[in-house]
């Protein structure tokens, strides 16, 4: 009993020893926004940062829609997923030049769980059953529920890694490993979008050797390719690459980058 009282008194002394300055230092380390906002140069940096933010927001509209489709959820949730991460990173982030938000690899991982737990075959039974939330069907709400659960679990894992300070373990990842992972992820992303480029309807294929099964299915059903979708896809790719090269070449002469991706989405929706 005496030992317990001694432990409690020792803990209480440590709590009392914590000073206001220590709390301030801890907050400054965990909330970088408290460090850079007081020294932010509003006159020189506000207008350039506003223009950059607007251009990135325009880009995130198209990317958010695309990543939502890649995650097998309704496109409107891609906009939500692009909005909140940047606000959170502005408070907790430490790198000014890091672009945060949704990206393709996590979208594919989320889609794997969504397609497995809420397969598309159930869409025929629930598409017409509106849940009353955003005018979406019960099938779509089930899918976003699975995607939200996967995202929440991923967030818990990241918080645990942050608590254990596992970020220092990244030095174990050599450049060939990172390059191989990046190339493999890009290959899988392109493969997942081939059916949209060709205008084909095909079932969701995953699992071991799923990469090869997708192309095998495409070649077996090559006659179902829609020529209009293929030509439109090729034209869009050419325009995107061409405008990107022009923007990079004349970036010193132009103040605002042409948002060609948003213009393409607008034209496609208008048609």
C-alpha atoms as a PDB file:
ATOM      1  CA  UNK A   1       0.000   0.000   0.000  1.00  0.00           C
ATOM      2  CA  UNK A   2       2.860   2.302   0.851  1.00  0.00           C
ATOM      3  CA  UNK A   3       4.568   1.499  -2.456  1.00  0.00           C
ATOM      4  CA  UNK A   4       1.406   2.449  -4.351  1.00  0.00           C
ATOM      5  CA  UNK A   5       1.215   5.785  -2.558  1.00  0.00           C
ATOM      6  CA  UNK A   6       4.865   6.485  -3.388  1.00  0.00           C
ATOM      7  CA  UNK A   7       4.242   5.783  -7.072  1.00  0.00           C
ATOM      8  CA  UNK A   8       1.203   8.061  -7.112  1.00  0.00           C
ATOM      9  CA  UNK A   9       3.112  10.835  -5.391  1.00  0.00           C
ATOM     10  CA  UNK A  10       5.992  10.459  -7.871  1.00  0.00           C
ATOM     11  CA  UNK A  11       3.587  10.691 -10.821  1.00  0.00           C
ATOM     12  CA  UNK A  12       1.905  13.723  -9.260  1.00  0.00           C
ATOM     13  CA  UNK A  13       5.283  15.438  -8.793  1.00  0.00           C
ATOM     14  CA  UNK A  14       6.085  14.859 -12.472  1.00  0.00           C
ATOM     15  CA  UNK A  15       2.735  16.340 -13.480  1.00  0.00           C
ATOM     16  CA  UNK A  16       3.359  19.375 -11.279  1.00  0.00           C
ATOM     17  CA  UNK A  17       6.867  19.733 -12.744  1.00  0.00           C
ATOM     18  CA  UNK A  18       5.426  20.278 -16.209  1.00  0.00           C
ATOM     19  CA  UNK A  19       5.682  23.974 -16.919  1.00  0.00           C
ATOM     20  CA  UNK A  20       3.722  26.134 -19.304  1.00  0.00           C
ATOM     21  CA  UNK A  21       6.867  26.523 -21.393  1.00  0.00           C
ATOM     22  CA  UNK A  22       7.074  22.744 -21.837  1.00  0.00           C
ATOM     23  CA  UNK A  23       3.482  22.623 -23.062  1.00  0.00           C
ATOM     24  CA  UNK A  24       4.218  25.447 -25.483  1.00  0.00           C
ATOM     25  CA  UNK A  25       7.277  23.641 -26.880  1.00  0.00           C
ATOM     26  CA  UNK A  26       5.269  20.438 -27.290  1.00  0.00           C
ATOM     27  CA  UNK A  27       2.508  22.284 -29.145  1.00  0.00           C
ATOM     28  CA  UNK A  28       5.038  23.999 -31.411  1.00  0.00           C
ATOM     29  CA  UNK A  29       6.555  20.624 -32.311  1.00  0.00           C
ATOM     30  CA  UNK A  30       3.221  18.911 -32.967  1.00  0.00           C
ATOM     31  CA  UNK A  31       1.409  21.889 -34.550  1.00  0.00           C
ATOM     32  CA  UNK A  32       3.797  23.527 -37.035  1.00  0.00           C
ATOM     33  CA  UNK A  33       1.089  26.026 -38.024  1.00  0.00           C
ATOM     34  CA  UNK A  34       1.780  27.835 -34.730  1.00  0.00           C
ATOM     35  CA  UNK A  35       5.372  28.329 -35.866  1.00  0.00           C
ATOM     36  CA  UNK A  36       5.011  29.572 -39.442  1.00  0.00           C
ATOM     37  CA  UNK A  37       1.820  31.658 -39.226  1.00  0.00           C
ATOM     38  CA  UNK A  38       3.295  34.384 -36.964  1.00  0.00           C
ATOM     39  CA  UNK A  39       6.268  34.880 -39.334  1.00  0.00           C
ATOM     40  CA  UNK A  40       4.301  34.549 -42.569  1.00  0.00           C
ATOM     41  CA  UNK A  41       4.941  37.422 -44.988  1.00  0.00           C
ATOM     42  CA  UNK A  42       1.394  38.346 -45.987  1.00  0.00           C
ATOM     43  CA  UNK A  43       2.360  41.116 -48.418  1.00  0.00           C
ATOM     44  CA  UNK A  44       4.799  39.113 -50.507  1.00  0.00           C
ATOM     45  CA  UNK A  45       3.426  35.585 -50.305  1.00  0.00           C
ATOM     46  CA  UNK A  46      -0.348  35.896 -50.023  1.00  0.00           C
ATOM     47  CA  UNK A  47      -1.095  36.556 -53.720  1.00  0.00           C
ATOM     48  CA  UNK A  48       1.327  33.905 -55.139  1.00  0.00           C
ATOM     49  CA  UNK A  49       0.102  31.336 -52.615  1.00  0.00           C
ATOM     50  CA  UNK A  50      -3.520  32.157 -53.464  1.00  0.00           C
ATOM     51  CA  UNK A  51      -2.893  31.668 -57.189  1.00  0.00           C
ATOM     52  CA  UNK A  52      -1.059  28.400 -56.515  1.00  0.00           C
ATOM     53  CA  UNK A  53      -3.853  27.210 -54.258  1.00  0.00           C
ATOM     54  CA  UNK A  54      -6.488  27.981 -56.884  1.00  0.00           C
ATOM     55  CA  UNK A  55      -4.559  26.092 -59.571  1.00  0.00           C
ATOM     56  CA  UNK A  56      -4.076  23.098 -57.299  1.00  0.00           C
ATOM     57  CA  UNK A  57      -7.773  23.194 -56.362  1.00  0.00           C
ATOM     58  CA  UNK A  58      -8.746  23.088 -60.040  1.00  0.00           C
ATOM     59  CA  UNK A  59      -6.415  20.148 -60.550  1.00  0.00           C
ATOM     60  CA  UNK A  60      -7.778  18.371 -57.489  1.00  0.00           C
ATOM     61  CA  UNK A  61     -11.327  18.532 -58.859  1.00  0.00           C
ATOM     62  CA  UNK A  62     -10.444  16.306 -61.796  1.00  0.00           C
ATOM     63  CA  UNK A  63      -8.086  14.120 -59.789  1.00  0.00           C
ATOM     64  CA  UNK A  64     -10.643  13.675 -57.020  1.00  0.00           C
ATOM     65  CA  UNK A  65     -13.276  12.483 -59.479  1.00  0.00           C
ATOM     66  CA  UNK A  66     -10.786  10.098 -61.095  1.00  0.00           C
ATOM     67  CA  UNK A  67      -9.552   8.664 -57.785  1.00  0.00           C
ATOM     68  CA  UNK A  68     -13.126   8.119 -56.609  1.00  0.00           C
ATOM     69  CA  UNK A  69     -13.827   6.048 -59.718  1.00  0.00           C
ATOM     70  CA  UNK A  70     -10.540   4.227 -59.101  1.00  0.00           C
ATOM     71  CA  UNK A  71     -11.746   3.461 -55.545  1.00  0.00           C
ATOM     72  CA  UNK A  72     -15.066   2.067 -56.881  1.00  0.00           C
ATOM     73  CA  UNK A  73     -17.159   4.684 -55.054  1.00  0.00           C
ATOM     74  CA  UNK A  74     -19.387   7.536 -56.212  1.00  0.00           C
ATOM     75  CA  UNK A  75     -17.345  10.388 -57.784  1.00  0.00           C
ATOM     76  CA  UNK A  76     -18.711  13.009 -55.360  1.00  0.00           C
ATOM     77  CA  UNK A  77     -16.755  11.415 -52.516  1.00  0.00           C
ATOM     78  CA  UNK A  78     -13.545  12.039 -54.426  1.00  0.00           C
ATOM     79  CA  UNK A  79     -14.126  15.762 -53.970  1.00  0.00           C
ATOM     80  CA  UNK A  80     -14.607  15.308 -50.227  1.00  0.00           C
ATOM     81  CA  UNK A  81     -11.468  13.199 -50.059  1.00  0.00           C
ATOM     82  CA  UNK A  82      -9.494  15.937 -51.810  1.00  0.00           C
ATOM     83  CA  UNK A  83     -10.767  18.756 -49.598  1.00  0.00           C
ATOM     84  CA  UNK A  84     -10.133  17.647 -46.029  1.00  0.00           C
ATOM     85  CA  UNK A  85      -6.554  16.218 -46.214  1.00  0.00           C
ATOM     86  CA  UNK A  86      -5.033  19.526 -47.320  1.00  0.00           C
ATOM     87  CA  UNK A  87      -6.704  21.379 -44.435  1.00  0.00           C
ATOM     88  CA  UNK A  88      -5.430  18.841 -41.918  1.00  0.00           C
ATOM     89  CA  UNK A  89      -1.954  18.942 -43.440  1.00  0.00           C
ATOM     90  CA  UNK A  90      -1.886  22.747 -43.215  1.00  0.00           C
ATOM     91  CA  UNK A  91      -2.200  22.326 -39.437  1.00  0.00           C
ATOM     92  CA  UNK A  92       0.007  19.300 -38.808  1.00  0.00           C
ATOM     93  CA  UNK A  93       2.264  19.215 -41.884  1.00  0.00           C
ATOM     94  CA  UNK A  94       5.936  20.157 -41.745  1.00  0.00           C
ATOM     95  CA  UNK A  95       6.855  20.362 -45.437  1.00  0.00           C
ATOM     96  CA  UNK A  96       5.801  23.385 -47.475  1.00  0.00           C
ATOM     97  CA  UNK A  97       6.399  21.704 -50.829  1.00  0.00           C
ATOM     98  CA  UNK A  98       4.535  18.460 -50.178  1.00  0.00           C
ATOM     99  CA  UNK A  99       1.265  17.957 -52.063  1.00  0.00           C
ATOM    100  CA  UNK A 100      -1.167  15.910 -49.982  1.00  0.00           C
ATOM    101  CA  UNK A 101      -4.477  14.260 -50.713  1.00  0.00           C
ATOM    102  CA  UNK A 102      -5.729  11.152 -52.425  1.00  0.00           C
ATOM    103  CA  UNK A 103      -3.457   9.206 -54.727  1.00  0.00           C
ATOM    104  CA  UNK A 104      -3.750   6.174 -56.958  1.00  0.00           C
ATOM    105  CA  UNK A 105      -2.167   3.441 -54.833  1.00  0.00           C
ATOM    106  CA  UNK A 106      -4.425   3.889 -51.821  1.00  0.00           C
ATOM    107  CA  UNK A 107      -7.408   4.164 -54.173  1.00  0.00           C
ATOM    108  CA  UNK A 108      -6.585   0.761 -55.664  1.00  0.00           C
ATOM    109  CA  UNK A 109      -6.173  -0.786 -52.209  1.00  0.00           C
ATOM    110  CA  UNK A 110      -9.524   0.651 -51.151  1.00  0.00           C
ATOM    111  CA  UNK A 111     -11.166  -0.581 -54.364  1.00  0.00           C
ATOM    112  CA  UNK A 112      -9.933  -4.102 -53.681  1.00  0.00           C
ATOM    113  CA  UNK A 113     -11.811  -4.184 -50.366  1.00  0.00           C
ATOM    114  CA  UNK A 114     -14.897  -2.442 -51.809  1.00  0.00           C
ATOM    115  CA  UNK A 115     -15.229  -4.814 -54.762  1.00  0.00           C
ATOM    116  CA  UNK A 116     -14.719  -7.853 -52.565  1.00  0.00           C
ATOM    117  CA  UNK A 117     -17.208  -6.900 -49.831  1.00  0.00           C
ATOM    118  CA  UNK A 118     -19.791  -5.074 -51.989  1.00  0.00           C
ATOM    119  CA  UNK A 119     -19.496  -6.637 -55.461  1.00  0.00           C
ATOM    120  CA  UNK A 120     -21.109  -5.054 -58.498  1.00  0.00           C
ATOM    121  CA  UNK A 121     -23.548  -7.953 -58.949  1.00  0.00           C
ATOM    122  CA  UNK A 122     -25.605  -6.503 -56.097  1.00  0.00           C
ATOM    123  CA  UNK A 123     -26.122  -3.242 -57.967  1.00  0.00           C
ATOM    124  CA  UNK A 124     -29.165  -4.603 -59.816  1.00  0.00           C
ATOM    125  CA  UNK A 125     -31.024  -5.095 -56.531  1.00  0.00           C
ATOM    126  CA  UNK A 126     -30.156  -1.826 -54.800  1.00  0.00           C
ATOM    127  CA  UNK A 127     -29.561   0.813 -57.467  1.00  0.00           C
ATOM    128  CA  UNK A 128     -33.162   2.017 -57.431  1.00  0.00           C
ATOM    129  CA  UNK A 129     -33.358   2.036 -53.634  1.00  0.00           C
ATOM    130  CA  UNK A 130     -32.372   5.574 -52.621  1.00  0.00           C
ATOM    131  CA  UNK A 131     -31.077   5.939 -49.079  1.00  0.00           C
ATOM    132  CA  UNK A 132     -32.016   9.614 -48.865  1.00  0.00           C
ATOM    133  CA  UNK A 133     -28.379  10.639 -48.294  1.00  0.00           C
ATOM    134  CA  UNK A 134     -27.138  12.851 -51.137  1.00  0.00           C
ATOM    135  CA  UNK A 135     -29.618  11.090 -53.404  1.00  0.00           C
ATOM    136  CA  UNK A 136     -27.394   7.993 -53.535  1.00  0.00           C
ATOM    137  CA  UNK A 137     -28.570   4.411 -53.677  1.00  0.00           C
ATOM    138  CA  UNK A 138     -28.167   1.934 -50.860  1.00  0.00           C
ATOM    139  CA  UNK A 139     -25.581   0.090 -52.960  1.00  0.00           C
ATOM    140  CA  UNK A 140     -23.441   3.219 -53.269  1.00  0.00           C
ATOM    141  CA  UNK A 141     -23.762   3.965 -49.541  1.00  0.00           C
ATOM    142  CA  UNK A 142     -22.614   0.446 -48.685  1.00  0.00           C
ATOM    143  CA  UNK A 143     -19.581   0.931 -50.890  1.00  0.00           C
ATOM    144  CA  UNK A 144     -18.618   4.249 -49.350  1.00  0.00           C
ATOM    145  CA  UNK A 145     -19.073   2.680 -45.910  1.00  0.00           C
ATOM    146  CA  UNK A 146     -16.490   0.008 -46.737  1.00  0.00           C
ATOM    147  CA  UNK A 147     -14.120   2.607 -48.215  1.00  0.00           C
ATOM    148  CA  UNK A 148     -14.511   4.801 -45.116  1.00  0.00           C
ATOM    149  CA  UNK A 149     -13.746   1.839 -42.835  1.00  0.00           C
ATOM    150  CA  UNK A 150     -10.593   1.030 -44.808  1.00  0.00           C
ATOM    151  CA  UNK A 151      -9.500   4.673 -44.681  1.00  0.00           C
ATOM    152  CA  UNK A 152     -10.164   4.878 -40.936  1.00  0.00           C
ATOM    153  CA  UNK A 153      -8.111   1.723 -40.304  1.00  0.00           C
ATOM    154  CA  UNK A 154      -5.288   3.131 -42.412  1.00  0.00           C
ATOM    155  CA  UNK A 155      -5.419   6.352 -40.384  1.00  0.00           C
ATOM    156  CA  UNK A 156      -5.144   4.413 -37.115  1.00  0.00           C
ATOM    157  CA  UNK A 157      -2.095   2.562 -38.448  1.00  0.00           C
ATOM    158  CA  UNK A 158      -0.469   5.837 -39.501  1.00  0.00           C
ATOM    159  CA  UNK A 159      -1.117   7.422 -36.113  1.00  0.00           C
ATOM    160  CA  UNK A 160       0.426   4.354 -34.438  1.00  0.00           C
ATOM    161  CA  UNK A 161       3.466   4.634 -36.707  1.00  0.00           C
ATOM    162  CA  UNK A 162       3.731   8.331 -35.861  1.00  0.00           C
ATOM    163  CA  UNK A 163       3.537   7.574 -32.133  1.00  0.00           C
ATOM    164  CA  UNK A 164       6.297   4.964 -32.422  1.00  0.00           C
ATOM    165  CA  UNK A 165       8.415   7.343 -34.554  1.00  0.00           C
ATOM    166  CA  UNK A 166       8.754   4.769 -37.342  1.00  0.00           C
ATOM    167  CA  UNK A 167       9.399   7.431 -39.953  1.00  0.00           C
ATOM    168  CA  UNK A 168      13.118   7.085 -39.280  1.00  0.00           C
ATOM    169  CA  UNK A 169      12.944   3.536 -40.668  1.00  0.00           C
ATOM    170  CA  UNK A 170      12.521   4.862 -44.210  1.00  0.00           C
ATOM    171  CA  UNK A 171      16.305   5.028 -44.584  1.00  0.00           C
ATOM    172  CA  UNK A 172      16.180   1.226 -44.905  1.00  0.00           C
ATOM    173  CA  UNK A 173      14.335   1.601 -48.213  1.00  0.00           C
ATOM    174  CA  UNK A 174      16.938   1.812 -50.943  1.00  0.00           C
ATOM    175  CA  UNK A 175      16.424   3.710 -54.192  1.00  0.00           C
ATOM    176  CA  UNK A 176      15.894   0.543 -56.313  1.00  0.00           C
ATOM    177  CA  UNK A 177      13.153  -0.605 -53.919  1.00  0.00           C
ATOM    178  CA  UNK A 178      11.362   2.741 -54.095  1.00  0.00           C
ATOM    179  CA  UNK A 179      11.715   2.876 -57.897  1.00  0.00           C
ATOM    180  CA  UNK A 180      10.372  -0.658 -58.270  1.00  0.00           C
ATOM    181  CA  UNK A 181       7.398   0.086 -56.024  1.00  0.00           C
ATOM    182  CA  UNK A 182       6.614   3.312 -57.905  1.00  0.00           C
ATOM    183  CA  UNK A 183       6.840   1.615 -61.299  1.00  0.00           C
ATOM    184  CA  UNK A 184       4.712  -1.305 -60.173  1.00  0.00           C
ATOM    185  CA  UNK A 185       2.062   0.998 -58.733  1.00  0.00           C
ATOM    186  CA  UNK A 186       1.947   3.067 -61.943  1.00  0.00           C
ATOM    187  CA  UNK A 187       1.603  -0.094 -64.029  1.00  0.00           C
ATOM    188  CA  UNK A 188      -1.321  -1.336 -61.956  1.00  0.00           C
ATOM    189  CA  UNK A 189      -3.017   2.060 -62.096  1.00  0.00           C
ATOM    190  CA  UNK A 190      -2.777   2.184 -65.898  1.00  0.00           C
ATOM    191  CA  UNK A 191      -4.017  -1.392 -66.142  1.00  0.00           C
ATOM    192  CA  UNK A 192      -7.044  -0.626 -63.981  1.00  0.00           C
ATOM    193  CA  UNK A 193      -8.023   2.183 -66.381  1.00  0.00           C
ATOM    194  CA  UNK A 194      -7.617   0.260 -69.635  1.00  0.00           C
ATOM    195  CA  UNK A 195     -11.288  -0.766 -69.667  1.00  0.00           C
ATOM    196  CA  UNK A 196     -12.319   2.897 -69.577  1.00  0.00           C
ATOM    197  CA  UNK A 197      -9.829   3.820 -72.302  1.00  0.00           C
ATOM    198  CA  UNK A 198     -11.262   1.117 -74.551  1.00  0.00           C
ATOM    199  CA  UNK A 199     -14.895   1.608 -73.536  1.00  0.00           C
ATOM    200  CA  UNK A 200     -15.218  -2.026 -72.458  1.00  0.00           C
ATOM    201  CA  UNK A 201     -17.431  -3.534 -69.777  1.00  0.00           C
ATOM    202  CA  UNK A 202     -15.512  -6.124 -67.818  1.00  0.00           C
ATOM    203  CA  UNK A 203     -15.785  -7.671 -64.354  1.00  0.00           C
ATOM    204  CA  UNK A 204     -13.494  -6.644 -61.539  1.00  0.00           C
ATOM    205  CA  UNK A 205     -10.396  -8.856 -61.624  1.00  0.00           C
ATOM    206  CA  UNK A 206      -7.911  -9.007 -58.736  1.00  0.00           C
ATOM    207  CA  UNK A 207      -5.791 -11.486 -56.839  1.00  0.00           C
ATOM    208  CA  UNK A 208      -2.605 -13.298 -57.856  1.00  0.00           C
ATOM    209  CA  UNK A 209      -1.756 -12.814 -61.551  1.00  0.00           C
ATOM    210  CA  UNK A 210      -4.783 -10.516 -61.851  1.00  0.00           C
ATOM    211  CA  UNK A 211      -2.625  -8.147 -63.917  1.00  0.00           C
ATOM    212  CA  UNK A 212      -2.250 -10.803 -66.648  1.00  0.00           C
ATOM    213  CA  UNK A 213      -5.872 -11.957 -66.395  1.00  0.00           C
ATOM    214  CA  UNK A 214      -7.053  -8.416 -67.166  1.00  0.00           C
ATOM    215  CA  UNK A 215      -5.112  -8.250 -70.429  1.00  0.00           C
ATOM    216  CA  UNK A 216      -6.128 -11.800 -71.288  1.00  0.00           C
ATOM    217  CA  UNK A 217      -9.780 -10.803 -70.898  1.00  0.00           C
ATOM    218  CA  UNK A 218      -9.213  -7.718 -73.055  1.00  0.00           C
ATOM    219  CA  UNK A 219      -7.646  -9.681 -75.903  1.00  0.00           C
ATOM    220  CA  UNK A 220     -10.373 -12.319 -75.709  1.00  0.00           C
ATOM    221  CA  UNK A 221     -13.057  -9.617 -76.017  1.00  0.00           C
ATOM    222  CA  UNK A 222     -11.187  -7.250 -78.319  1.00  0.00           C
ATOM    223  CA  UNK A 223     -14.202  -6.966 -80.609  1.00  0.00           C
ATOM    224  CA  UNK A 224     -16.213  -5.246 -77.871  1.00  0.00           C
ATOM    225  CA  UNK A 225     -13.890  -2.218 -77.916  1.00  0.00           C
ATOM    226  CA  UNK A 226     -15.786   0.991 -78.661  1.00  0.00           C
ATOM    227  CA  UNK A 227     -13.918   2.932 -81.330  1.00  0.00           C
ATOM    228  CA  UNK A 228     -15.386   6.284 -80.214  1.00  0.00           C
ATOM    229  CA  UNK A 229     -14.144   5.833 -76.628  1.00  0.00           C
ATOM    230  CA  UNK A 230     -10.704   4.739 -77.856  1.00  0.00           C
ATOM    231  CA  UNK A 231     -10.289   7.753 -80.152  1.00  0.00           C
ATOM    232  CA  UNK A 232     -11.501  10.150 -77.464  1.00  0.00           C
ATOM    233  CA  UNK A 233      -9.087   8.637 -74.934  1.00  0.00           C
ATOM    234  CA  UNK A 234      -6.124   8.894 -77.312  1.00  0.00           C
ATOM    235  CA  UNK A 235      -7.009  12.478 -78.222  1.00  0.00           C
ATOM    236  CA  UNK A 236      -7.311  13.457 -74.551  1.00  0.00           C
ATOM    237  CA  UNK A 237      -3.923  11.906 -73.733  1.00  0.00           C
ATOM    238  CA  UNK A 238      -2.247  13.732 -76.626  1.00  0.00           C
ATOM    239  CA  UNK A 239      -3.792  17.063 -75.607  1.00  0.00           C
ATOM    240  CA  UNK A 240      -2.837  16.603 -71.936  1.00  0.00           C
ATOM    241  CA  UNK A 241       0.777  15.735 -72.737  1.00  0.00           C
ATOM    242  CA  UNK A 242       1.086  18.544 -75.308  1.00  0.00           C
ATOM    243  CA  UNK A 243      -0.323  21.241 -73.013  1.00  0.00           C
ATOM    244  CA  UNK A 244       1.817  20.020 -70.115  1.00  0.00           C
ATOM    245  CA  UNK A 245       4.958  20.335 -72.225  1.00  0.00           C
ATOM    246  CA  UNK A 246       3.919  23.823 -73.372  1.00  0.00           C
ATOM    247  CA  UNK A 247       3.233  24.920 -69.788  1.00  0.00           C
ATOM    248  CA  UNK A 248       6.662  23.747 -68.676  1.00  0.00           C
ATOM    249  CA  UNK A 249       8.393  25.344 -71.657  1.00  0.00           C
ATOM    250  CA  UNK A 250       6.759  28.757 -71.270  1.00  0.00           C
ATOM    251  CA  UNK A 251       6.320  28.766 -67.489  1.00  0.00           C
ATOM    252  CA  UNK A 252       8.498  31.882 -67.200  1.00  0.00           C
ATOM    253  CA  UNK A 253       6.309  33.820 -69.613  1.00  0.00           C
ATOM    254  CA  UNK A 254       2.890  32.839 -68.271  1.00  0.00           C
ATOM    255  CA  UNK A 255       1.636  33.519 -64.750  1.00  0.00           C
ATOM    256  CA  UNK A 256      -1.298  31.095 -64.765  1.00  0.00           C
ATOM    257  CA  UNK A 257      -1.046  27.508 -65.954  1.00  0.00           C
ATOM    258  CA  UNK A 258      -3.765  26.432 -68.376  1.00  0.00           C
ATOM    259  CA  UNK A 259      -6.071  23.924 -66.543  1.00  0.00           C
ATOM    260  CA  UNK A 260      -6.470  21.675 -69.565  1.00  0.00           C
ATOM    261  CA  UNK A 261      -7.607  18.675 -67.486  1.00  0.00           C
ATOM    262  CA  UNK A 262     -10.567  20.629 -66.122  1.00  0.00           C
ATOM    263  CA  UNK A 263     -11.445  21.885 -69.619  1.00  0.00           C
ATOM    264  CA  UNK A 264     -11.433  18.328 -70.956  1.00  0.00           C
ATOM    265  CA  UNK A 265     -13.749  17.161 -68.173  1.00  0.00           C
ATOM    266  CA  UNK A 266     -16.068  20.098 -68.818  1.00  0.00           C
ATOM    267  CA  UNK A 267     -16.215  19.389 -72.558  1.00  0.00           C
ATOM    268  CA  UNK A 268     -16.837  15.698 -72.018  1.00  0.00           C
ATOM    269  CA  UNK A 269     -19.688  16.420 -69.588  1.00  0.00           C
ATOM    270  CA  UNK A 270     -21.176  18.986 -71.977  1.00  0.00           C
ATOM    271  CA  UNK A 271     -21.290  16.374 -74.718  1.00  0.00           C
END
